[in-house]
Amino acid sequence: MNEFLDYIKQNKLIVIVLSILILGVGGYWWTNRTPAVKNDIKTEIKASPKVPKKTDSMPKNKLVAVDIQGAVKKPGVYQVKENSLVQTAIQLAGGLADNADTKQINQAKRVSDQMQVYVPVVGSTSAVSTSAPAKGEKVNINNAKAEDFKDVTGIGPKKAEKIIAFREKNGNFKSLHDLTKVSGIGEKSLDSLKDQLTV
């Protein structure tokens, strides 16, 4: 033991160098060693967004009843899809009769529930129309003509034309509140009109 200590004392430089080398190699090995593989990788799988089926997202067109009268081959009440053209309703009624006056018919007009379509014969002055509401009866804003609004307090000829123009451009009104989208009709106006109108 004493001999070993004497050897260390005599060869301090060699011992120091060896110690540094051992520490250096050990440190290098420690820092560059291959760590144990841990399976900590979390794989996130993002589910692709669900695309709703068209049948679920798109409401089915509901059917409305339309009374087809006048110069058609099979007058009667027919069911057509809401917002269908008058032309479609006439075709269900067998088409136009030979004496139908097509110049007086707006076949591009949209139909609405409980609407009556009258096809005039040649020589008559009646056009495709809806039955005019009786006094005290609510006016249906989806099929009324300008003259049908004459007994509605608060709607003059100009507003009546605006309502019809809006309906022809945008389709039937879904509710009376949609009237506020028509220029010149606000919430206050609607309050006074709701007892006189319907959809």
C-alpha atoms as a PDB file:
ATOM      1  CA  MET A   1       0.000   0.000   0.000  1.00  0.00           C
ATOM      2  CA  ASN A   2       2.786   2.385   0.922  1.00  0.00           C
ATOM      3  CA  GLU A   3       4.534   1.543  -2.329  1.00  0.00           C
ATOM      4  CA  PHE A   4       1.379   2.411  -4.285  1.00  0.00           C
ATOM      5  CA  LEU A   5       1.094   5.777  -2.502  1.00  0.00           C
ATOM      6  CA  ASP A   6       4.749   6.462  -3.156  1.00  0.00           C
ATOM      7  CA  TYR A   7       4.200   5.632  -6.816  1.00  0.00           C
ATOM      8  CA  ILE A   8       1.254   8.071  -6.990  1.00  0.00           C
ATOM      9  CA  LYS A   9       3.254  10.816  -5.338  1.00  0.00           C
ATOM     10  CA  GLN A  10       6.126  10.318  -7.762  1.00  0.00           C
ATOM     11  CA  ASN A  11       3.856  10.175 -10.809  1.00  0.00           C
ATOM     12  CA  LYS A  12       1.250  12.835  -9.981  1.00  0.00           C
ATOM     13  CA  LEU A  13       1.264  14.192 -13.498  1.00  0.00           C
ATOM     14  CA  ILE A  14       0.526  10.805 -15.041  1.00  0.00           C
ATOM     15  CA  VAL A  15      -2.254  10.139 -12.526  1.00  0.00           C
ATOM     16  CA  ILE A  16      -3.841  13.541 -13.188  1.00  0.00           C
ATOM     17  CA  VAL A  17      -3.673  13.002 -16.946  1.00  0.00           C
ATOM     18  CA  LEU A  18      -5.164   9.513 -16.609  1.00  0.00           C
ATOM     19  CA  SER A  19      -7.928  10.854 -14.361  1.00  0.00           C
ATOM     20  CA  ILE A  20      -8.770  13.600 -16.870  1.00  0.00           C
ATOM     21  CA  LEU A  21      -8.816  11.064 -19.696  1.00  0.00           C
ATOM     22  CA  ILE A  22     -11.092   8.695 -17.771  1.00  0.00           C
ATOM     23  CA  LEU A  23     -13.438  11.548 -16.833  1.00  0.00           C
ATOM     24  CA  GLY A  24     -13.389  12.869 -20.382  1.00  0.00           C
ATOM     25  CA  VAL A  25     -14.127   9.495 -21.970  1.00  0.00           C
ATOM     26  CA  GLY A  26     -16.803   8.790 -19.375  1.00  0.00           C
ATOM     27  CA  GLY A  27     -18.387  12.196 -19.879  1.00  0.00           C
ATOM     28  CA  TYR A  28     -18.326  11.818 -23.638  1.00  0.00           C
ATOM     29  CA  TRP A  29     -19.900   8.394 -23.376  1.00  0.00           C
ATOM     30  CA  TRP A  30     -22.550   9.694 -20.946  1.00  0.00           C
ATOM     31  CA  THR A  31     -23.553  12.596 -23.120  1.00  0.00           C
ATOM     32  CA  ASN A  32     -23.593  10.622 -26.382  1.00  0.00           C
ATOM     33  CA  ARG A  33     -25.075   7.396 -25.149  1.00  0.00           C
ATOM     34  CA  THR A  34     -28.221   6.176 -26.906  1.00  0.00           C
ATOM     35  CA  PRO A  35     -31.125   6.770 -24.554  1.00  0.00           C
ATOM     36  CA  ALA A  36     -33.580   3.990 -24.002  1.00  0.00           C
ATOM     37  CA  VAL A  37     -36.396   4.389 -26.493  1.00  0.00           C
ATOM     38  CA  LYS A  38     -39.545   5.390 -24.792  1.00  0.00           C
ATOM     39  CA  ASN A  39     -42.737   5.113 -26.677  1.00  0.00           C
ATOM     40  CA  ASP A  40     -44.022   8.459 -25.452  1.00  0.00           C
ATOM     41  CA  ILE A  41     -44.887   9.758 -28.889  1.00  0.00           C
ATOM     42  CA  LYS A  42     -48.507  10.696 -28.890  1.00  0.00           C
ATOM     43  CA  THR A  43     -50.063  10.333 -32.241  1.00  0.00           C
ATOM     44  CA  GLU A  44     -52.969  12.641 -32.726  1.00  0.00           C
ATOM     45  CA  ILE A  45     -55.339  11.519 -35.412  1.00  0.00           C
ATOM     46  CA  LYS A  46     -57.626  14.314 -36.360  1.00  0.00           C
ATOM     47  CA  ALA A  47     -60.942  12.954 -37.417  1.00  0.00           C
ATOM     48  CA  SER A  48     -62.033  14.367 -40.712  1.00  0.00           C
ATOM     49  CA  PRO A  49     -65.013  16.649 -40.246  1.00  0.00           C
ATOM     50  CA  LYS A  50     -68.289  14.914 -40.882  1.00  0.00           C
ATOM     51  CA  VAL A  51     -69.935  16.114 -44.025  1.00  0.00           C
ATOM     52  CA  PRO A  52     -73.672  16.181 -43.482  1.00  0.00           C
ATOM     53  CA  LYS A  53     -75.664  14.233 -45.977  1.00  0.00           C
ATOM     54  CA  LYS A  54     -77.547  16.388 -48.393  1.00  0.00           C
ATOM     55  CA  THR A  55     -80.738  14.649 -47.476  1.00  0.00           C
ATOM     56  CA  ASP A  56     -80.295  15.653 -43.818  1.00  0.00           C
ATOM     57  CA  SER A  57     -79.230  19.250 -44.344  1.00  0.00           C
ATOM     58  CA  MET A  58     -81.616  20.144 -47.114  1.00  0.00           C
ATOM     59  CA  PRO A  59     -85.243  20.234 -46.059  1.00  0.00           C
ATOM     60  CA  LYS A  60     -87.581  18.411 -48.384  1.00  0.00           C
ATOM     61  CA  ASN A  61     -89.929  20.615 -50.389  1.00  0.00           C
ATOM     62  CA  LYS A  62     -93.325  20.470 -48.798  1.00  0.00           C
ATOM     63  CA  LEU A  63     -96.421  20.018 -50.910  1.00  0.00           C
ATOM     64  CA  VAL A  64     -99.070  22.700 -51.254  1.00  0.00           C
ATOM     65  CA  ALA A  65    -102.634  22.421 -52.544  1.00  0.00           C
ATOM     66  CA  VAL A  66    -103.518  24.430 -55.654  1.00  0.00           C
ATOM     67  CA  ASP A  67    -106.971  24.715 -57.229  1.00  0.00           C
ATOM     68  CA  ILE A  68    -106.670  24.764 -61.050  1.00  0.00           C
ATOM     69  CA  GLN A  69    -109.766  26.022 -62.856  1.00  0.00           C
ATOM     70  CA  GLY A  70    -110.753  27.439 -66.227  1.00  0.00           C
ATOM     71  CA  ALA A  71    -109.396  26.408 -69.594  1.00  0.00           C
ATOM     72  CA  VAL A  72    -107.468  23.287 -68.557  1.00  0.00           C
ATOM     73  CA  LYS A  73    -108.180  19.687 -69.529  1.00  0.00           C
ATOM     74  CA  LYS A  74    -108.671  18.362 -65.966  1.00  0.00           C
ATOM     75  CA  PRO A  75    -109.714  21.115 -63.546  1.00  0.00           C
ATOM     76  CA  GLY A  76    -109.345  20.282 -59.857  1.00  0.00           C
ATOM     77  CA  VAL A  77    -107.201  20.529 -56.745  1.00  0.00           C
ATOM     78  CA  TYR A  78    -103.617  19.330 -57.155  1.00  0.00           C
ATOM     79  CA  GLN A  79    -100.621  19.010 -54.856  1.00  0.00           C
ATOM     80  CA  VAL A  80     -97.366  20.509 -56.072  1.00  0.00           C
ATOM     81  CA  LYS A  81     -94.061  21.339 -54.426  1.00  0.00           C
ATOM     82  CA  GLU A  82     -94.018  24.687 -52.671  1.00  0.00           C
ATOM     83  CA  ASN A  83     -92.795  27.519 -54.940  1.00  0.00           C
ATOM     84  CA  SER A  84     -93.455  25.486 -58.094  1.00  0.00           C
ATOM     85  CA  LEU A  85     -94.389  27.418 -61.210  1.00  0.00           C
ATOM     86  CA  VAL A  86     -97.990  27.933 -62.320  1.00  0.00           C
ATOM     87  CA  GLN A  87     -96.914  26.110 -65.495  1.00  0.00           C
ATOM     88  CA  THR A  88     -96.174  22.972 -63.447  1.00  0.00           C
ATOM     89  CA  ALA A  89     -99.588  23.092 -61.778  1.00  0.00           C
ATOM     90  CA  ILE A  90    -101.302  23.502 -65.155  1.00  0.00           C
ATOM     91  CA  GLN A  91     -99.450  20.463 -66.510  1.00  0.00           C
ATOM     92  CA  LEU A  92    -100.785  18.392 -63.587  1.00  0.00           C
ATOM     93  CA  ALA A  93    -104.257  19.486 -64.613  1.00  0.00           C
ATOM     94  CA  GLY A  94    -103.744  17.904 -68.032  1.00  0.00           C
ATOM     95  CA  GLY A  95    -102.337  20.994 -69.683  1.00  0.00           C
ATOM     96  CA  LEU A  96    -104.064  23.926 -71.342  1.00  0.00           C
ATOM     97  CA  ALA A  97    -107.321  23.471 -73.216  1.00  0.00           C
ATOM     98  CA  ASP A  98    -107.486  24.426 -76.899  1.00  0.00           C
ATOM     99  CA  ASN A  99    -109.425  27.603 -76.089  1.00  0.00           C
ATOM    100  CA  ALA A 100    -107.010  28.806 -73.342  1.00  0.00           C
ATOM    101  CA  ASP A 101    -105.826  32.396 -73.701  1.00  0.00           C
ATOM    102  CA  THR A 102    -102.101  31.997 -73.044  1.00  0.00           C
ATOM    103  CA  LYS A 103    -101.456  35.723 -73.498  1.00  0.00           C
ATOM    104  CA  GLN A 104    -103.198  36.407 -70.189  1.00  0.00           C
ATOM    105  CA  ILE A 105    -101.327  33.716 -68.235  1.00  0.00           C
ATOM    106  CA  ASN A 106     -98.118  34.286 -66.296  1.00  0.00           C
ATOM    107  CA  GLN A 107     -96.932  30.684 -66.206  1.00  0.00           C
ATOM    108  CA  ALA A 108     -93.674  31.738 -64.522  1.00  0.00           C
ATOM    109  CA  LYS A 109     -95.511  32.854 -61.364  1.00  0.00           C
ATOM    110  CA  ARG A 110     -94.899  30.834 -58.183  1.00  0.00           C
ATOM    111  CA  VAL A 111     -97.766  28.980 -56.522  1.00  0.00           C
ATOM    112  CA  SER A 112     -98.560  28.956 -52.795  1.00  0.00           C
ATOM    113  CA  ASP A 113    -100.767  26.887 -50.512  1.00  0.00           C
ATOM    114  CA  GLN A 114    -104.548  27.176 -51.110  1.00  0.00           C
ATOM    115  CA  MET A 115    -103.986  29.270 -54.209  1.00  0.00           C
ATOM    116  CA  GLN A 116    -106.569  29.201 -56.968  1.00  0.00           C
ATOM    117  CA  VAL A 117    -105.285  29.442 -60.524  1.00  0.00           C
ATOM    118  CA  TYR A 118    -107.847  30.413 -63.124  1.00  0.00           C
ATOM    119  CA  VAL A 119    -106.902  29.992 -66.781  1.00  0.00           C
ATOM    120  CA  PRO A 120    -109.059  32.271 -68.957  1.00  0.00           C
ATOM    121  CA  VAL A 121    -110.557  31.278 -72.275  1.00  0.00           C
ATOM    122  CA  VAL A 122    -109.968  33.318 -75.406  1.00  0.00           C
ATOM    123  CA  GLY A 123    -112.131  36.434 -75.307  1.00  0.00           C
ATOM    124  CA  SER A 124    -112.474  36.654 -71.512  1.00  0.00           C
ATOM    125  CA  THR A 125    -110.737  39.274 -69.384  1.00  0.00           C
ATOM    126  CA  SER A 126    -109.918  37.078 -66.374  1.00  0.00           C
ATOM    127  CA  ALA A 127    -106.258  36.201 -65.907  1.00  0.00           C
ATOM    128  CA  VAL A 128    -104.474  33.647 -63.761  1.00  0.00           C
ATOM    129  CA  SER A 129    -105.372  34.787 -60.309  1.00  0.00           C
ATOM    130  CA  THR A 130    -106.123  33.945 -56.767  1.00  0.00           C
ATOM    131  CA  SER A 131    -109.536  34.423 -55.296  1.00  0.00           C
ATOM    132  CA  ALA A 132    -109.842  37.960 -54.006  1.00  0.00           C
ATOM    133  CA  PRO A 133    -110.244  37.976 -50.230  1.00  0.00           C
ATOM    134  CA  ALA A 134    -113.649  38.844 -48.863  1.00  0.00           C
ATOM    135  CA  LYS A 135    -113.997  41.893 -46.641  1.00  0.00           C
ATOM    136  CA  GLY A 136    -112.644  41.201 -43.185  1.00  0.00           C
ATOM    137  CA  GLU A 137    -110.686  38.204 -44.467  1.00  0.00           C
ATOM    138  CA  LYS A 138    -106.894  38.281 -44.121  1.00  0.00           C
ATOM    139  CA  VAL A 139    -104.932  38.903 -47.308  1.00  0.00           C
ATOM    140  CA  ASN A 140    -102.368  36.218 -48.149  1.00  0.00           C
ATOM    141  CA  ILE A 141     -99.167  38.097 -48.994  1.00  0.00           C
ATOM    142  CA  ASN A 142     -97.844  35.109 -50.962  1.00  0.00           C
ATOM    143  CA  ASN A 143    -100.518  35.142 -53.640  1.00  0.00           C
ATOM    144  CA  ALA A 144    -102.297  38.507 -53.408  1.00  0.00           C
ATOM    145  CA  LYS A 145    -102.365  40.848 -56.379  1.00  0.00           C
ATOM    146  CA  ALA A 146    -101.900  44.597 -55.997  1.00  0.00           C
ATOM    147  CA  GLU A 147    -105.658  45.226 -55.946  1.00  0.00           C
ATOM    148  CA  ASP A 148    -106.113  42.696 -53.122  1.00  0.00           C
ATOM    149  CA  PHE A 149    -104.298  45.095 -50.780  1.00  0.00           C
ATOM    150  CA  LYS A 150    -106.751  47.956 -51.392  1.00  0.00           C
ATOM    151  CA  ASP A 151    -108.701  47.201 -48.184  1.00  0.00           C
ATOM    152  CA  VAL A 152    -105.558  46.734 -46.064  1.00  0.00           C
ATOM    153  CA  THR A 153    -105.015  49.796 -43.875  1.00  0.00           C
ATOM    154  CA  GLY A 154    -101.408  50.940 -44.161  1.00  0.00           C
ATOM    155  CA  ILE A 155    -100.642  49.471 -47.583  1.00  0.00           C
ATOM    156  CA  GLY A 156    -101.173  51.713 -50.578  1.00  0.00           C
ATOM    157  CA  PRO A 157    -100.641  50.856 -54.248  1.00  0.00           C
ATOM    158  CA  LYS A 158     -96.896  51.588 -54.101  1.00  0.00           C
ATOM    159  CA  LYS A 159     -96.278  49.362 -51.061  1.00  0.00           C
ATOM    160  CA  ALA A 160     -98.418  46.648 -52.610  1.00  0.00           C
ATOM    161  CA  GLU A 161     -96.244  46.731 -55.736  1.00  0.00           C
ATOM    162  CA  LYS A 162     -93.086  46.570 -53.578  1.00  0.00           C
ATOM    163  CA  ILE A 163     -94.430  43.524 -51.718  1.00  0.00           C
ATOM    164  CA  ILE A 164     -95.230  41.733 -54.982  1.00  0.00           C
ATOM    165  CA  ALA A 165     -91.878  42.687 -56.550  1.00  0.00           C
ATOM    166  CA  PHE A 166     -90.023  41.400 -53.461  1.00  0.00           C
ATOM    167  CA  ARG A 167     -92.019  38.137 -53.535  1.00  0.00           C
ATOM    168  CA  GLU A 168     -91.356  37.562 -57.237  1.00  0.00           C
ATOM    169  CA  LYS A 169     -87.629  38.173 -56.772  1.00  0.00           C
ATOM    170  CA  ASN A 170     -87.071  36.264 -53.518  1.00  0.00           C
ATOM    171  CA  GLY A 171     -89.861  33.679 -53.445  1.00  0.00           C
ATOM    172  CA  ASN A 172     -92.721  33.346 -50.990  1.00  0.00           C
ATOM    173  CA  PHE A 173     -92.609  34.940 -47.557  1.00  0.00           C
ATOM    174  CA  LYS A 174     -91.949  32.418 -44.781  1.00  0.00           C
ATOM    175  CA  SER A 175     -93.574  34.575 -42.102  1.00  0.00           C
ATOM    176  CA  LEU A 176     -95.226  37.977 -41.747  1.00  0.00           C
ATOM    177  CA  HIS A 177     -92.025  39.291 -40.165  1.00  0.00           C
ATOM    178  CA  ASP A 178     -90.323  38.889 -43.562  1.00  0.00           C
ATOM    179  CA  LEU A 179     -92.342  41.916 -44.667  1.00  0.00           C
ATOM    180  CA  THR A 180     -89.842  44.081 -42.768  1.00  0.00           C
ATOM    181  CA  LYS A 181     -87.373  43.217 -45.548  1.00  0.00           C
ATOM    182  CA  VAL A 182     -89.582  45.156 -47.946  1.00  0.00           C
ATOM    183  CA  SER A 183     -88.585  48.800 -48.302  1.00  0.00           C
ATOM    184  CA  GLY A 184     -90.963  51.085 -46.381  1.00  0.00           C
ATOM    185  CA  ILE A 185     -92.283  48.458 -43.943  1.00  0.00           C
ATOM    186  CA  GLY A 186     -90.801  48.482 -40.445  1.00  0.00           C
ATOM    187  CA  GLU A 187     -91.601  46.838 -37.123  1.00  0.00           C
ATOM    188  CA  LYS A 188     -94.229  49.486 -36.233  1.00  0.00           C
ATOM    189  CA  SER A 189     -95.937  49.122 -39.599  1.00  0.00           C
ATOM    190  CA  LEU A 190     -95.957  45.350 -39.203  1.00  0.00           C
ATOM    191  CA  ASP A 191     -97.740  45.597 -35.839  1.00  0.00           C
ATOM    192  CA  SER A 192    -100.652  47.380 -37.503  1.00  0.00           C
ATOM    193  CA  LEU A 193    -100.685  44.974 -40.470  1.00  0.00           C
ATOM    194  CA  LYS A 194    -100.417  41.576 -38.778  1.00  0.00           C
ATOM    195  CA  ASP A 195    -104.167  41.368 -38.063  1.00  0.00           C
ATOM    196  CA  GLN A 196    -104.958  42.019 -41.725  1.00  0.00           C
ATOM    197  CA  LEU A 197    -102.391  39.779 -43.435  1.00  0.00           C
ATOM    198  CA  THR A 198    -101.384  36.126 -43.476  1.00  0.00           C
ATOM    199  CA  VAL A 199     -98.913  33.815 -45.232  1.00  0.00           C
END
